[in-house]
Amino acid sequence: MRTGLEPDAQALVAGAVRSDRYDYFATQVVRHVVLRDRSYDPTEGTHEFTDWDALAATLRAFAADDD
């Protein structure tokens, strides 16, 4: 609010689930809330959701924007 910046674009970036870093309760939240309708096995380790190609394209477009 101090800078007066008013963003005119946004990018939604997924991220990853890193089960090996979570305690029991965090694992339950991820399984039953965050990934409620997806098949998810916390024993499989890290699960990447980020579409890196789409993110790269978004960042290139942002960097090339002349507005």
Protein backbone atom coordinates (compact mmCIF):
# COMPACT_ATOMS: atom_id res chain seq x y z
CA MET A 1 0.00 0.00 0.00
CA ARG A 2 2.92 2.35 0.63
CA THR A 3 4.30 2.02 -2.88
CA GLY A 4 0.98 2.40 -4.68
CA LEU A 5 1.76 -0.69 -6.75
CA GLU A 6 -1.32 -2.07 -8.45
CA PRO A 7 -0.54 -5.41 -10.14
CA ASP A 8 -2.26 -5.97 -13.46
CA ALA A 9 -1.35 -9.66 -13.80
CA GLN A 10 -0.95 -12.74 -11.66
CA ALA A 11 0.52 -16.20 -12.04
CA LEU A 12 -0.66 -19.24 -10.12
CA VAL A 13 2.18 -21.65 -9.46
CA ALA A 14 1.47 -25.07 -7.95
CA GLY A 15 4.56 -26.23 -6.05
CA ALA A 16 5.35 -29.64 -4.62
CA VAL A 17 4.44 -32.01 -1.81
CA ARG A 18 7.50 -33.17 0.11
CA SER A 19 6.13 -35.83 2.44
CA ASP A 20 9.52 -36.72 3.87
CA ARG A 21 9.63 -33.27 5.51
CA TYR A 22 6.20 -33.43 7.17
CA ASP A 23 5.19 -34.76 10.54
CA TYR A 24 2.15 -36.98 10.98
CA PHE A 25 -0.34 -34.11 11.32
CA ALA A 26 0.97 -32.16 8.33
CA THR A 27 0.80 -35.34 6.25
CA GLN A 28 -2.85 -35.82 7.25
CA VAL A 29 -3.70 -32.22 6.31
CA VAL A 30 -2.01 -32.65 2.92
CA ARG A 31 -3.76 -35.96 2.31
CA HIS A 32 -7.28 -35.04 3.49
CA VAL A 33 -7.48 -31.31 2.77
CA VAL A 34 -4.95 -30.16 0.20
CA LEU A 35 -5.10 -33.23 -2.05
CA ARG A 36 -8.55 -34.40 -1.05
CA ASP A 37 -9.74 -35.64 -4.46
CA ARG A 38 -6.43 -36.85 -5.84
CA SER A 39 -4.76 -40.19 -5.50
CA TYR A 40 -1.76 -39.56 -3.31
CA ASP A 41 0.64 -41.91 -1.59
CA PRO A 42 2.80 -40.09 0.95
CA THR A 43 5.33 -42.92 0.90
CA GLU A 44 6.28 -42.04 -2.68
CA GLY A 45 8.27 -39.00 -1.51
CA THR A 46 8.24 -35.69 -3.35
CA HIS A 47 5.40 -35.08 -5.78
CA GLU A 48 5.93 -32.14 -8.14
CA PHE A 49 2.89 -30.22 -9.36
CA THR A 50 4.65 -27.29 -11.03
CA ASP A 51 4.33 -27.09 -14.81
CA TRP A 52 7.83 -25.72 -15.39
CA ASP A 53 7.33 -25.07 -19.12
CA ALA A 54 4.19 -23.02 -18.47
CA LEU A 55 5.93 -21.11 -15.68
CA ALA A 56 8.91 -20.34 -17.94
CA ALA A 57 6.55 -19.06 -20.66
CA THR A 58 4.72 -16.87 -18.14
CA LEU A 59 7.98 -15.39 -16.87
CA ARG A 60 9.25 -14.77 -20.40
CA ALA A 61 6.02 -12.94 -21.25
CA PHE A 62 6.29 -10.91 -18.06
CA ALA A 63 9.90 -9.95 -18.76
CA ALA A 64 9.05 -8.99 -22.35
CA ASP A 65 6.04 -6.85 -21.36
CA ASP A 66 6.71 -3.22 -22.35
CA ASP A 67 3.82 -1.60 -20.42
